[in-house]
N, C-alpha and C. Protein backbone atom coordinates (compact mmCIF):
# COMPACT_ATOMS: atom_id res chain seq x y z
N MET A 1 -11.17 19.40 -14.60
CA MET A 1 -10.41 18.53 -13.81
C MET A 1 -11.39 17.21 -13.56
N ILE A 2 -10.78 15.88 -13.81
CA ILE A 2 -11.57 14.68 -13.89
C ILE A 2 -10.90 13.56 -12.70
N PHE A 3 -11.83 13.27 -11.97
CA PHE A 3 -11.51 12.39 -10.97
C PHE A 3 -12.17 11.07 -11.25
N VAL A 4 -11.51 9.88 -11.13
CA VAL A 4 -12.14 8.43 -11.15
C VAL A 4 -12.31 8.14 -9.89
N ILE A 5 -13.56 7.44 -9.42
CA ILE A 5 -14.06 7.25 -8.08
C ILE A 5 -14.01 5.81 -8.15
N ALA A 6 -13.46 4.88 -7.19
CA ALA A 6 -13.77 3.56 -7.18
C ALA A 6 -13.77 2.91 -5.88
N SER A 7 -14.37 1.92 -5.84
CA SER A 7 -14.34 1.41 -4.33
C SER A 7 -14.18 -0.29 -4.58
N ASP A 8 -13.91 -0.82 -3.38
CA ASP A 8 -14.00 -2.26 -3.28
C ASP A 8 -13.13 -3.16 -4.32
N ILE A 9 -11.88 -2.94 -4.39
CA ILE A 9 -11.09 -3.70 -5.38
C ILE A 9 -10.90 -4.78 -4.79
N HIS A 10 -11.02 -5.20 -3.48
CA HIS A 10 -10.62 -6.58 -2.64
C HIS A 10 -9.61 -7.50 -3.35
N GLY A 11 -8.21 -6.97 -3.76
CA GLY A 11 -7.47 -7.74 -4.13
C GLY A 11 -7.47 -8.18 -5.82
N SER A 12 -8.37 -7.88 -6.40
CA SER A 12 -8.30 -8.34 -7.99
C SER A 12 -7.85 -7.38 -8.94
N ALA A 13 -6.60 -7.98 -9.25
CA ALA A 13 -5.51 -7.35 -10.28
C ALA A 13 -6.35 -7.42 -11.68
N PHE A 14 -7.22 -8.31 -11.69
CA PHE A 14 -8.04 -8.40 -13.15
C PHE A 14 -8.86 -7.19 -13.27
N TYR A 15 -9.55 -7.07 -12.19
CA TYR A 15 -10.66 -5.93 -12.61
C TYR A 15 -9.74 -4.29 -12.06
N LEU A 16 -8.75 -4.62 -11.43
CA LEU A 16 -8.14 -3.15 -11.27
C LEU A 16 -7.35 -2.82 -12.63
N LYS A 17 -7.01 -3.74 -13.62
CA LYS A 17 -6.48 -3.52 -14.59
C LYS A 17 -7.30 -2.64 -15.59
N LYS A 18 -8.55 -3.15 -15.61
CA LYS A 18 -9.91 -2.84 -16.34
C LYS A 18 -9.93 -1.40 -15.60
N LEU A 19 -10.07 -0.91 -14.47
CA LEU A 19 -10.10 0.08 -13.97
C LEU A 19 -9.00 1.20 -14.42
N LEU A 20 -7.88 0.97 -14.46
CA LEU A 20 -6.80 1.51 -14.96
C LEU A 20 -6.71 1.87 -16.23
N GLU A 21 -7.19 1.21 -16.93
CA GLU A 21 -7.66 1.24 -18.51
C GLU A 21 -8.41 2.59 -18.68
N ALA A 22 -9.50 2.31 -18.06
CA ALA A 22 -10.60 3.46 -17.86
C ALA A 22 -10.15 4.48 -17.45
N TYR A 23 -9.16 4.81 -16.50
CA TYR A 23 -8.67 5.83 -15.70
C TYR A 23 -7.93 6.74 -16.83
N LYS A 24 -7.41 5.71 -17.72
CA LYS A 24 -6.32 6.65 -18.86
C LYS A 24 -7.36 7.04 -19.66
N LYS A 25 -8.27 6.32 -20.27
CA LYS A 25 -9.45 6.60 -21.26
C LYS A 25 -10.15 8.07 -21.03
N GLU A 26 -10.31 8.16 -19.38
CA GLU A 26 -11.09 9.30 -18.96
C GLU A 26 -10.14 10.70 -19.04
N HIS A 27 -8.72 10.43 -19.05
CA HIS A 27 -7.99 11.36 -18.76
C HIS A 27 -8.14 12.16 -17.47
N ALA A 28 -8.20 11.27 -16.61
CA ALA A 28 -8.27 11.63 -15.10
C ALA A 28 -7.05 12.15 -14.60
N GLU A 29 -7.05 12.96 -13.59
CA GLU A 29 -5.98 13.75 -12.88
C GLU A 29 -5.93 12.96 -11.51
N LYS A 30 -6.64 12.33 -10.92
CA LYS A 30 -6.67 11.45 -9.49
C LYS A 30 -7.73 10.42 -9.49
N LEU A 31 -7.13 9.29 -8.81
CA LEU A 31 -8.02 8.10 -8.52
C LEU A 31 -8.20 8.30 -7.23
N ILE A 32 -9.60 8.37 -7.06
CA ILE A 32 -10.04 8.41 -5.46
C ILE A 32 -10.63 6.90 -5.03
N LEU A 33 -9.90 6.27 -4.26
CA LEU A 33 -10.34 5.14 -3.91
C LEU A 33 -11.01 4.95 -2.47
N LEU A 34 -12.18 4.32 -2.40
CA LEU A 34 -13.00 4.51 -1.05
C LEU A 34 -12.91 3.13 -0.18
N GLY A 35 -11.59 2.63 -0.48
CA GLY A 35 -11.32 1.52 0.77
C GLY A 35 -11.57 -0.01 0.27
N ASP A 36 -11.08 -0.95 0.96
CA ASP A 36 -11.06 -2.27 0.68
C ASP A 36 -10.17 -2.79 -0.44
N ILE A 37 -9.09 -2.55 -0.35
CA ILE A 37 -7.98 -2.49 -1.43
C ILE A 37 -7.62 -3.96 -1.74
N LEU A 38 -7.03 -4.73 -0.57
CA LEU A 38 -6.31 -5.88 -0.73
C LEU A 38 -6.91 -7.01 -0.53
N TYR A 39 -7.62 -7.22 0.52
CA TYR A 39 -8.21 -8.31 0.90
C TYR A 39 -9.81 -8.53 0.63
N HIS A 40 -10.06 -9.74 0.35
CA HIS A 40 -11.70 -9.65 -0.07
C HIS A 40 -12.59 -9.90 0.98
N GLY A 41 -11.96 -10.02 2.51
CA GLY A 41 -13.04 -10.33 3.11
C GLY A 41 -13.74 -11.46 3.57
N PRO A 42 -13.93 -11.81 4.77
CA PRO A 42 -14.39 -13.11 5.06
C PRO A 42 -16.28 -13.41 4.62
N ARG A 43 -16.75 -12.53 4.03
CA ARG A 43 -18.00 -12.45 3.53
C ARG A 43 -18.36 -12.43 2.38
N ASN A 44 -17.12 -12.44 1.47
CA ASN A 44 -17.08 -12.35 -0.06
C ASN A 44 -16.05 -13.57 -0.67
N ASN A 45 -16.75 -14.15 -1.60
CA ASN A 45 -15.77 -15.06 -2.28
C ASN A 45 -14.37 -14.39 -2.87
N LEU A 46 -13.68 -15.04 -3.13
CA LEU A 46 -12.43 -14.53 -3.97
C LEU A 46 -13.07 -13.88 -5.45
N PRO A 47 -12.65 -12.68 -5.58
CA PRO A 47 -12.95 -12.19 -6.87
C PRO A 47 -12.20 -12.75 -8.10
N ASN A 48 -12.53 -12.54 -9.26
CA ASN A 48 -11.65 -13.09 -10.44
C ASN A 48 -10.36 -12.18 -10.41
N GLY A 49 -9.35 -12.91 -10.53
CA GLY A 49 -7.93 -12.40 -10.60
C GLY A 49 -7.52 -12.34 -9.41
N TYR A 50 -7.62 -12.90 -8.15
CA TYR A 50 -7.38 -12.26 -7.01
C TYR A 50 -5.83 -12.32 -6.90
N ASP A 51 -5.28 -11.31 -6.69
CA ASP A 51 -3.79 -11.18 -6.74
C ASP A 51 -3.28 -10.12 -6.02
N PRO A 52 -3.43 -10.00 -4.66
CA PRO A 52 -3.11 -8.62 -4.01
C PRO A 52 -1.72 -8.25 -4.10
N LYS A 53 -0.65 -8.89 -4.51
CA LYS A 53 0.53 -8.84 -4.68
C LYS A 53 0.52 -7.90 -5.75
N GLU A 54 -0.04 -8.35 -7.12
CA GLU A 54 -0.31 -7.27 -8.12
C GLU A 54 -0.97 -6.04 -8.21
N VAL A 55 -1.88 -6.38 -7.30
CA VAL A 55 -2.69 -4.97 -7.08
C VAL A 55 -1.89 -3.91 -6.24
N ILE A 56 -0.83 -4.54 -5.35
CA ILE A 56 0.05 -3.54 -4.47
C ILE A 56 1.05 -2.80 -5.56
N SER A 57 1.26 -3.66 -6.65
CA SER A 57 2.41 -3.23 -7.63
C SER A 57 1.81 -2.18 -8.68
N LEU A 58 0.64 -2.39 -8.97
CA LEU A 58 -0.08 -1.65 -9.87
C LEU A 58 -0.54 -0.22 -9.39
N LEU A 59 -0.89 -0.22 -8.07
CA LEU A 59 -1.41 0.97 -7.23
C LEU A 59 0.09 1.77 -6.66
N ASN A 60 0.96 1.02 -6.50
CA ASN A 60 2.17 1.87 -5.93
C ASN A 60 2.93 2.48 -7.26
N ASP A 61 2.68 2.08 -8.39
CA ASP A 61 3.33 2.46 -9.73
C ASP A 61 2.66 4.27 -9.81
N MET A 62 1.53 4.20 -9.48
CA MET A 62 0.68 5.47 -9.73
C MET A 62 0.42 6.16 -8.19
N LYS A 63 1.12 5.99 -7.30
CA LYS A 63 1.03 6.35 -6.03
C LYS A 63 0.59 7.79 -5.92
N ASP A 64 1.29 8.60 -6.76
CA ASP A 64 1.07 10.19 -6.70
C ASP A 64 -0.17 10.51 -7.21
N GLU A 65 -1.02 9.75 -7.76
CA GLU A 65 -2.18 10.03 -8.59
C GLU A 65 -3.49 9.38 -7.61
N ILE A 66 -3.10 8.92 -6.27
CA ILE A 66 -4.32 8.28 -5.62
C ILE A 66 -4.64 9.18 -4.17
N LEU A 67 -5.91 9.07 -4.20
CA LEU A 67 -6.44 9.67 -2.53
C LEU A 67 -7.09 8.23 -2.11
N CYS A 68 -6.85 7.73 -1.04
CA CYS A 68 -7.66 6.67 -0.43
C CYS A 68 -7.89 6.69 1.07
N VAL A 69 -9.19 6.29 1.20
CA VAL A 69 -9.42 6.24 2.57
C VAL A 69 -9.48 4.80 3.00
N ARG A 70 -9.70 4.28 4.17
CA ARG A 70 -9.57 3.07 4.76
C ARG A 70 -11.07 2.24 4.87
N GLY A 71 -11.00 1.28 4.12
CA GLY A 71 -12.27 0.45 4.43
C GLY A 71 -11.98 -0.64 5.61
N ASN A 72 -13.36 -1.25 5.67
CA ASN A 72 -13.52 -2.07 6.84
C ASN A 72 -12.46 -3.39 6.49
N CYS A 73 -12.16 -3.92 5.34
CA CYS A 73 -11.26 -4.82 5.20
C CYS A 73 -9.67 -4.52 5.15
N ASP A 74 -9.44 -3.02 5.24
CA ASP A 74 -8.15 -2.78 5.06
C ASP A 74 -7.46 -2.59 6.58
N ALA A 75 -6.19 -2.90 6.63
CA ALA A 75 -5.55 -3.15 7.91
C ALA A 75 -4.14 -2.47 7.95
N GLU A 76 -3.53 -2.38 9.15
CA GLU A 76 -2.19 -1.64 9.19
C GLU A 76 -1.08 -2.43 8.20
N VAL A 77 -1.33 -3.61 8.28
CA VAL A 77 -0.30 -4.47 7.54
C VAL A 77 -0.26 -4.07 5.91
N ASP A 78 -1.66 -3.94 5.61
CA ASP A 78 -1.66 -3.11 4.24
C ASP A 78 -1.09 -1.92 3.85
N GLN A 79 -0.93 -0.72 4.82
CA GLN A 79 -0.43 0.22 4.74
C GLN A 79 1.10 -0.08 4.68
N MET A 80 1.64 -1.15 5.14
CA MET A 80 3.18 -1.36 5.13
C MET A 80 3.58 -1.35 3.75
N VAL A 81 2.92 -2.15 2.86
CA VAL A 81 3.07 -2.43 1.69
C VAL A 81 2.60 -1.33 0.35
N LEU A 82 1.80 -0.65 0.70
CA LEU A 82 1.18 0.29 -0.28
C LEU A 82 1.94 1.69 0.10
N GLU A 83 2.30 2.35 -1.11
CA GLU A 83 3.30 3.61 -0.76
C GLU A 83 2.52 4.97 -0.79
N PHE A 84 1.09 4.65 -0.55
CA PHE A 84 0.07 5.95 -0.58
C PHE A 84 -0.63 5.68 0.72
N PRO A 85 -0.97 7.01 1.35
CA PRO A 85 -1.72 6.64 2.74
C PRO A 85 -3.01 5.92 2.65
N ILE A 86 -3.61 5.00 3.37
CA ILE A 86 -5.00 4.42 3.18
C ILE A 86 -5.46 4.45 4.48
N MET A 87 -5.04 4.90 5.84
CA MET A 87 -5.52 4.58 6.95
C MET A 87 -6.28 5.64 7.47
N ALA A 88 -6.76 6.73 6.72
CA ALA A 88 -7.63 7.76 7.06
C ALA A 88 -9.19 7.25 7.06
N ASP A 89 -10.09 7.39 8.03
CA ASP A 89 -11.42 7.00 7.91
C ASP A 89 -12.04 7.60 6.85
N TYR A 90 -11.77 8.82 6.62
CA TYR A 90 -12.46 9.72 5.90
C TYR A 90 -11.53 10.93 4.99
N ALA A 91 -11.72 11.53 4.00
CA ALA A 91 -11.19 12.68 3.64
C ALA A 91 -12.37 13.86 3.00
N LEU A 92 -11.84 15.02 3.49
CA LEU A 92 -12.49 15.99 2.97
C LEU A 92 -11.95 16.62 1.76
N LEU A 93 -12.91 16.88 0.71
CA LEU A 93 -12.40 17.22 -0.65
C LEU A 93 -13.40 18.36 -0.90
N ARG A 94 -12.74 19.21 -2.02
CA ARG A 94 -13.42 20.29 -2.79
C ARG A 94 -13.49 19.93 -3.98
N PHE A 95 -14.79 19.70 -4.68
CA PHE A 95 -15.13 19.55 -5.89
C PHE A 95 -15.60 20.77 -6.52
N GLN A 96 -15.01 21.70 -7.26
CA GLN A 96 -15.44 23.04 -7.67
C GLN A 96 -15.73 23.66 -6.42
N ASN A 97 -17.19 24.01 -6.12
CA ASN A 97 -17.45 24.88 -4.93
C ASN A 97 -18.11 23.89 -3.97
N LYS A 98 -18.10 22.81 -4.09
CA LYS A 98 -18.78 21.58 -3.10
C LYS A 98 -18.00 20.89 -2.39
N ASN A 99 -18.34 20.61 -1.07
CA ASN A 99 -17.79 20.11 0.02
C ASN A 99 -18.16 18.45 -0.03
N VAL A 100 -17.07 17.64 -0.30
CA VAL A 100 -17.16 16.19 -0.29
C VAL A 100 -16.73 15.43 0.65
N PHE A 101 -17.64 14.59 1.47
CA PHE A 101 -17.14 13.87 2.33
C PHE A 101 -17.01 12.34 1.87
N ALA A 102 -15.58 11.99 1.41
CA ALA A 102 -15.32 10.66 1.00
C ALA A 102 -14.93 9.75 2.11
N THR A 103 -15.79 8.68 2.19
CA THR A 103 -15.11 7.59 3.49
C THR A 103 -15.77 6.23 2.74
N HIS A 104 -15.49 5.15 3.33
CA HIS A 104 -15.67 3.56 2.84
C HIS A 104 -17.14 3.53 2.87
N GLY A 105 -17.70 3.85 4.12
CA GLY A 105 -19.25 3.56 4.31
C GLY A 105 -19.54 2.87 5.28
N HIS A 106 -18.56 2.16 5.99
CA HIS A 106 -18.91 1.29 7.25
C HIS A 106 -19.32 1.94 8.45
N LYS A 107 -18.66 3.10 8.43
CA LYS A 107 -19.11 4.08 9.60
C LYS A 107 -19.89 5.10 9.40
N TYR A 108 -19.50 5.84 8.49
CA TYR A 108 -20.26 7.12 8.13
C TYR A 108 -20.99 6.69 6.97
N ASN A 109 -22.56 6.76 6.68
CA ASN A 109 -23.23 6.64 5.69
C ASN A 109 -24.60 7.20 5.63
N THR A 110 -25.68 6.84 4.88
CA THR A 110 -26.88 7.73 5.01
C THR A 110 -27.69 7.13 6.28
N SER A 111 -27.22 6.31 7.00
CA SER A 111 -27.78 5.76 8.00
C SER A 111 -27.34 6.60 9.42
N ASN A 112 -25.90 6.67 9.29
CA ASN A 112 -25.04 7.53 10.20
C ASN A 112 -24.29 8.46 9.71
N LEU A 113 -24.84 9.86 9.29
CA LEU A 113 -24.31 10.87 8.72
C LEU A 113 -22.91 11.49 9.40
N PRO A 114 -22.12 11.84 8.65
CA PRO A 114 -20.80 12.47 8.94
C PRO A 114 -21.24 13.56 10.08
N PRO A 115 -20.27 13.63 11.20
CA PRO A 115 -20.60 14.81 12.07
C PRO A 115 -20.28 16.32 11.52
N MET A 116 -20.53 16.46 10.33
CA MET A 116 -20.39 17.91 9.81
C MET A 116 -21.62 18.42 8.94
N SER A 117 -21.81 19.86 9.02
CA SER A 117 -23.16 20.20 8.60
C SER A 117 -23.07 20.74 7.26
N ASN A 118 -22.02 20.82 6.91
CA ASN A 118 -21.92 21.52 5.55
C ASN A 118 -21.49 20.63 4.29
N ILE A 119 -21.94 19.48 4.29
CA ILE A 119 -21.48 18.62 3.29
C ILE A 119 -22.57 18.62 2.22
N ASP A 120 -21.98 18.80 0.93
CA ASP A 120 -22.72 18.89 -0.28
C ASP A 120 -22.89 17.18 -0.95
N ILE A 121 -21.62 16.52 -0.76
CA ILE A 121 -21.66 15.34 -1.20
C ILE A 121 -21.28 14.17 -0.19
N LEU A 122 -21.77 13.31 -0.07
CA LEU A 122 -21.57 12.13 0.80
C LEU A 122 -21.04 10.86 -0.28
N LEU A 123 -20.00 10.57 -0.45
CA LEU A 123 -19.44 9.66 -1.31
C LEU A 123 -18.84 8.43 -0.42
N HIS A 124 -19.44 7.16 -0.80
CA HIS A 124 -18.68 5.95 -0.01
C HIS A 124 -19.03 4.71 -0.82
N GLY A 125 -18.22 3.87 -0.65
CA GLY A 125 -18.53 2.41 -1.34
C GLY A 125 -19.27 1.45 -0.19
N HIS A 126 -18.72 0.31 -0.01
CA HIS A 126 -18.75 -0.54 1.04
C HIS A 126 -19.93 -1.57 0.64
N THR A 127 -21.02 -0.93 -0.01
CA THR A 127 -22.25 -1.78 0.02
C THR A 127 -22.45 -2.53 -1.30
N HIS A 128 -21.21 -2.29 -2.33
CA HIS A 128 -21.10 -2.70 -3.37
C HIS A 128 -22.14 -2.57 -4.44
N VAL A 129 -23.14 -1.67 -4.13
CA VAL A 129 -24.37 -1.28 -4.74
C VAL A 129 -24.21 0.11 -5.43
N PRO A 130 -24.16 0.40 -6.63
CA PRO A 130 -23.76 1.74 -6.95
C PRO A 130 -24.99 2.48 -6.76
N VAL A 131 -25.03 3.85 -6.22
CA VAL A 131 -26.23 4.92 -5.93
C VAL A 131 -25.83 6.30 -6.51
N CYS A 132 -26.56 6.75 -7.12
CA CYS A 132 -26.14 8.29 -7.09
C CYS A 132 -27.58 8.93 -7.15
N GLU A 133 -27.86 9.69 -5.81
CA GLU A 133 -29.11 10.41 -5.81
C GLU A 133 -28.97 11.70 -4.69
N LYS A 134 -30.00 12.42 -4.83
CA LYS A 134 -30.29 13.62 -4.10
C LYS A 134 -31.05 13.28 -2.61
N HIS A 135 -30.28 13.59 -1.76
CA HIS A 135 -31.07 13.41 -0.52
C HIS A 135 -31.29 15.00 0.12
N ASP A 136 -32.10 15.02 1.11
CA ASP A 136 -32.47 16.12 1.74
C ASP A 136 -31.03 16.79 2.37
N GLY A 137 -30.55 17.82 1.65
CA GLY A 137 -29.48 18.76 1.90
C GLY A 137 -28.18 18.14 1.45
N PHE A 138 -28.00 17.27 0.62
CA PHE A 138 -26.92 16.44 0.17
C PHE A 138 -26.99 15.41 -1.07
N ILE A 139 -26.19 15.23 -1.73
CA ILE A 139 -26.11 14.26 -2.87
C ILE A 139 -25.47 12.82 -2.03
N TYR A 140 -25.84 11.78 -2.54
CA TYR A 140 -25.29 10.47 -1.99
C TYR A 140 -24.68 9.96 -3.26
N CYS A 141 -23.45 9.30 -3.23
CA CYS A 141 -23.00 8.77 -4.28
C CYS A 141 -22.29 7.73 -3.90
N ASN A 142 -22.60 6.38 -4.47
CA ASN A 142 -21.88 5.13 -4.41
C ASN A 142 -21.17 4.40 -5.47
N PRO A 143 -19.93 4.36 -5.89
CA PRO A 143 -19.59 3.80 -7.04
C PRO A 143 -19.89 2.40 -7.49
N GLY A 144 -20.35 1.58 -6.49
CA GLY A 144 -20.41 0.21 -6.62
C GLY A 144 -18.82 -0.51 -6.29
N SER A 145 -18.84 -1.81 -6.75
CA SER A 145 -17.60 -2.36 -6.64
C SER A 145 -17.04 -2.72 -8.10
N ILE A 146 -15.74 -2.34 -8.13
CA ILE A 146 -15.09 -3.08 -9.41
C ILE A 146 -14.99 -4.34 -9.22
N SER A 147 -14.93 -4.98 -8.30
CA SER A 147 -14.30 -6.53 -8.29
C SER A 147 -15.77 -7.34 -8.11
N ILE A 148 -16.52 -6.94 -7.05
CA ILE A 148 -17.44 -7.83 -6.57
C ILE A 148 -18.80 -7.18 -6.19
N PRO A 149 -19.69 -7.03 -7.53
CA PRO A 149 -20.81 -6.25 -7.55
C PRO A 149 -21.87 -6.73 -6.97
N LYS A 150 -22.77 -6.31 -6.42
CA LYS A 150 -23.96 -6.86 -5.60
C LYS A 150 -25.29 -6.12 -6.03
N GLY A 151 -26.41 -6.77 -5.83
CA GLY A 151 -27.56 -6.14 -5.89
C GLY A 151 -27.88 -5.98 -7.55
N ASN A 152 -27.52 -7.15 -8.11
CA ASN A 152 -27.72 -7.17 -9.48
C ASN A 152 -27.00 -6.07 -10.14
N SER A 153 -25.90 -5.30 -9.73
CA SER A 153 -25.27 -4.31 -10.59
C SER A 153 -24.12 -5.08 -11.40
N THR A 154 -23.31 -4.28 -11.97
CA THR A 154 -22.10 -4.53 -12.88
C THR A 154 -20.88 -4.03 -12.13
N ASN A 155 -19.74 -4.50 -12.34
CA ASN A 155 -18.50 -4.00 -12.04
C ASN A 155 -18.49 -2.70 -12.31
N SER A 156 -18.11 -1.68 -11.64
CA SER A 156 -18.41 -0.30 -11.88
C SER A 156 -17.65 0.79 -11.08
N TYR A 157 -17.48 2.19 -11.60
CA TYR A 157 -16.92 3.17 -11.11
C TYR A 157 -17.54 4.47 -11.48
N MET A 158 -17.30 5.63 -10.85
CA MET A 158 -17.69 6.98 -11.29
C MET A 158 -16.60 7.95 -11.76
N ILE A 159 -17.14 8.89 -12.21
CA ILE A 159 -16.02 10.18 -12.66
C ILE A 159 -16.89 11.20 -12.33
N TYR A 160 -16.02 12.19 -11.98
CA TYR A 160 -16.47 13.34 -11.59
C TYR A 160 -15.84 14.44 -12.61
N ASP A 161 -16.76 15.16 -13.47
CA ASP A 161 -15.74 16.16 -14.50
C ASP A 161 -15.94 17.33 -14.13
N GLY A 162 -16.36 17.91 -13.20
CA GLY A 162 -16.38 19.30 -12.75
C GLY A 162 -17.81 19.72 -12.66
N GLU A 163 -18.68 18.89 -13.40
CA GLU A 163 -19.96 19.39 -13.28
C GLU A 163 -20.89 18.09 -12.89
N ASN A 164 -20.76 17.06 -13.32
CA ASN A 164 -21.58 15.84 -13.06
C ASN A 164 -20.67 14.70 -12.31
N LEU A 165 -21.58 14.11 -11.64
CA LEU A 165 -21.15 12.74 -11.17
C LEU A 165 -21.65 11.25 -11.95
N ILE A 166 -20.83 10.91 -12.84
CA ILE A 166 -21.32 9.90 -13.81
C ILE A 166 -20.87 8.54 -13.29
N TRP A 167 -21.76 7.40 -13.46
CA TRP A 167 -21.64 5.85 -12.86
C TRP A 167 -21.41 5.28 -14.34
N LYS A 168 -20.48 4.54 -14.19
CA LYS A 168 -20.02 3.76 -15.70
C LYS A 168 -19.66 2.35 -15.18
N SER A 169 -19.89 1.34 -16.12
CA SER A 169 -19.44 0.06 -15.98
C SER A 169 -17.75 0.20 -16.35
N LEU A 170 -17.22 -0.99 -16.08
CA LEU A 170 -15.84 -1.11 -16.27
C LEU A 170 -15.42 -0.74 -17.90
N ASP A 171 -16.70 -1.27 -18.73
CA ASP A 171 -16.63 -1.23 -20.22
C ASP A 171 -16.77 0.33 -20.65
N GLY A 172 -17.19 1.27 -19.75
CA GLY A 172 -17.49 2.56 -20.24
C GLY A 172 -18.79 2.85 -20.32
N GLU A 173 -19.81 2.04 -20.42
CA GLU A 173 -21.27 2.13 -20.52
C GLU A 173 -21.84 3.10 -19.29
N ILE A 174 -22.42 4.12 -19.76
CA ILE A 174 -22.92 5.12 -18.67
C ILE A 174 -24.39 4.58 -18.13
N PHE A 175 -24.37 4.46 -17.03
CA PHE A 175 -25.78 3.91 -16.27
C PHE A 175 -26.34 5.10 -15.50
N ASN A 176 -25.84 5.96 -15.26
CA ASN A 176 -26.53 7.30 -14.31
C ASN A 176 -25.50 8.60 -14.61
N SER A 177 -26.10 9.65 -14.27
CA SER A 177 -25.53 10.75 -14.10
C SER A 177 -26.26 11.65 -13.29
N LEU A 178 -25.53 12.41 -12.47
CA LEU A 178 -26.19 13.45 -11.67
C LEU A 178 -25.61 14.75 -11.74
N SER A 179 -26.04 15.83 -12.09
CA SER A 179 -25.43 17.18 -12.11
C SER A 179 -25.19 17.59 -10.48
N VAL A 180 -23.90 18.12 -10.49
CA VAL A 180 -23.90 18.89 -9.20
C VAL A 180 -23.32 20.27 -9.27
N LYS A 181 -24.07 20.85 -10.18
CA LYS A 181 -23.72 22.21 -10.51
C LYS A 181 -24.89 22.96 -9.43
N GLY A 182 -24.51 24.31 -9.22
CA GLY A 182 -25.19 25.12 -8.35
C GLY A 182 -24.98 25.29 -7.04
């Protein structure tokens, strides 16, 4: 089972199309979105190809393949136009035998850990900076942003292939990977 994990689309149809091409090339079964879907936010410049209406259409076309959590730029009005749920602050997932806490990162993050004791992987976006590292007791992964990368990073996403979390550019270049076996 392969999951593509992405965050911080911020209304960019241009970069979403590149992500969906990568999703198809990866032969993924689910697209996990970690929030900030349609709106660019007051602190960000407009991303290349800003077109929230096209983003809505592209994502609604694959609504049965998406699991999404709410970002700080997502609002109830966004839920009115998207045909998959986006309003939960987090989702608890099982990757093989691992407990995964998926969230946007503006509430729960490495500085404010989720109120659960048996999390194996903390997965969040929000910072627009990709990270994949082991912490004391859990693995922390952030796919970065597909449309507004920060911290000298590139437009990126992650995949989970059943044994590894792999961070990639939208062009498919592998930047980092971390085994989650064991």
